[in-house]
Amino acid sequence: MFEIKDNRVILSIKVQPNSSKNKIAGLYGDALKVNIKAPAVEGAANKELIKFFSKTFKVPKSEIEIKNPTSKQKKVSLPLNDKIREFLKEFDE
């Protein structure tokens, strides 16, 4: 679900666009399922995902990178901070 490399975390994400609200919905196989309000049109869902992660994990939007933006199964790279470390503890076996 995640990998830590060079002080960054790479999350495997399954995006569910057109949701009623932005939220982390739990696990979906070996990925984190994230509901996003925006539709999957012209990058709107990706922009909303970046905004959501920026707010949730207190990370500048410019520091968030989506590795495969056209897929519903995404790899999202974020700088590792205390808020993210705390969140990842829930999923650490």
Protein backbone atom coordinates (compact mmCIF):
# COMPACT_ATOMS: atom_id res chain seq x y z
CA MET A 1 0.00 0.00 0.00
CA PHE A 2 2.91 2.36 0.66
CA GLU A 3 6.65 2.55 0.27
CA ILE A 4 9.06 4.96 1.93
CA LYS A 5 12.01 6.13 -0.12
CA ASP A 6 14.31 9.19 0.17
CA ASN A 7 12.17 10.85 2.86
CA ARG A 8 9.06 10.54 0.68
CA VAL A 9 6.15 8.15 0.85
CA ILE A 10 4.64 6.59 -2.26
CA LEU A 11 1.03 5.57 -1.73
CA SER A 12 -0.91 3.16 -3.93
CA ILE A 13 -4.30 4.81 -4.40
CA LYS A 14 -7.59 3.66 -5.90
CA VAL A 15 -9.54 6.82 -6.75
CA GLN A 16 -13.34 6.86 -6.74
CA PRO A 17 -14.36 10.07 -8.56
CA ASN A 18 -17.86 11.67 -8.41
CA SER A 19 -18.25 10.86 -4.71
CA SER A 20 -20.45 12.84 -2.33
CA LYS A 21 -17.40 14.02 -0.39
CA ASN A 22 -13.62 13.78 -0.31
CA LYS A 23 -12.47 11.11 2.12
CA ILE A 24 -10.11 8.21 2.68
CA ALA A 25 -12.49 5.27 2.47
CA GLY A 26 -10.12 2.55 3.70
CA LEU A 27 -8.30 -0.23 1.94
CA TYR A 28 -9.13 -1.58 -1.51
CA GLY A 29 -6.99 -4.68 -2.04
CA ASP A 30 -3.42 -3.48 -1.59
CA ALA A 31 -4.31 0.17 -2.24
CA LEU A 32 -5.84 2.98 -0.26
CA LYS A 33 -9.31 3.87 -1.54
CA VAL A 34 -9.91 7.61 -1.77
CA ASN A 35 -13.28 9.13 -2.63
CA ILE A 36 -13.06 12.41 -4.53
CA LYS A 37 -15.96 14.79 -5.28
CA ALA A 38 -14.65 15.91 -8.65
CA PRO A 39 -15.40 13.99 -11.86
CA ALA A 40 -12.65 12.18 -13.76
CA VAL A 41 -12.69 14.80 -16.52
CA GLU A 42 -9.73 16.87 -17.75
CA GLY A 43 -7.67 16.18 -14.63
CA ALA A 44 -10.31 17.56 -12.22
CA ALA A 45 -10.19 14.49 -9.95
CA ASN A 46 -6.36 14.62 -9.85
CA LYS A 47 -6.41 18.30 -8.88
CA GLU A 48 -8.99 17.58 -6.18
CA LEU A 49 -6.92 14.62 -4.94
CA ILE A 50 -3.83 16.83 -4.61
CA LYS A 51 -5.87 19.51 -2.80
CA PHE A 52 -7.37 16.89 -0.46
CA PHE A 53 -3.99 15.32 0.39
CA SER A 54 -2.43 18.77 0.84
CA LYS A 55 -5.09 19.71 3.39
CA THR A 56 -5.24 16.30 5.10
CA PHE A 57 -1.49 15.85 5.55
CA LYS A 58 -0.41 19.54 5.75
CA VAL A 59 1.84 19.26 2.70
CA PRO A 60 2.29 21.95 0.02
CA LYS A 61 0.41 21.07 -3.18
CA SER A 62 3.61 21.59 -5.17
CA GLU A 63 5.23 18.72 -3.21
CA ILE A 64 2.58 16.15 -4.20
CA GLU A 65 3.21 14.16 -7.34
CA ILE A 66 0.87 11.74 -9.12
CA LYS A 67 2.92 9.13 -10.98
CA ASN A 68 0.25 7.75 -13.35
CA PRO A 69 -2.44 10.44 -13.61
CA THR A 70 -4.67 8.78 -16.23
CA SER A 71 -5.22 5.57 -14.28
CA LYS A 72 -7.74 4.97 -11.47
CA GLN A 73 -4.96 3.04 -9.71
CA LYS A 74 -2.45 5.78 -8.93
CA LYS A 75 0.90 6.10 -7.22
CA VAL A 76 1.05 9.34 -5.26
CA SER A 77 4.34 10.62 -3.88
CA LEU A 78 4.31 12.92 -0.82
CA PRO A 79 7.05 14.27 1.43
CA LEU A 80 7.18 12.31 4.66
CA ASN A 81 6.08 14.36 7.67
CA ASP A 82 4.77 13.56 11.16
CA LYS A 83 1.13 13.73 10.07
CA ILE A 84 1.73 11.15 7.32
CA ARG A 85 3.82 8.93 9.64
CA GLU A 86 0.94 8.98 12.15
CA PHE A 87 -1.56 8.05 9.44
CA LEU A 88 0.61 5.21 8.08
CA LYS A 89 0.90 3.62 11.55
CA GLU A 90 -2.71 2.43 11.12
CA PHE A 91 -1.67 0.33 8.16
CA ASP A 92 1.71 -0.90 9.34
CA GLU A 93 1.51 -4.65 10.00
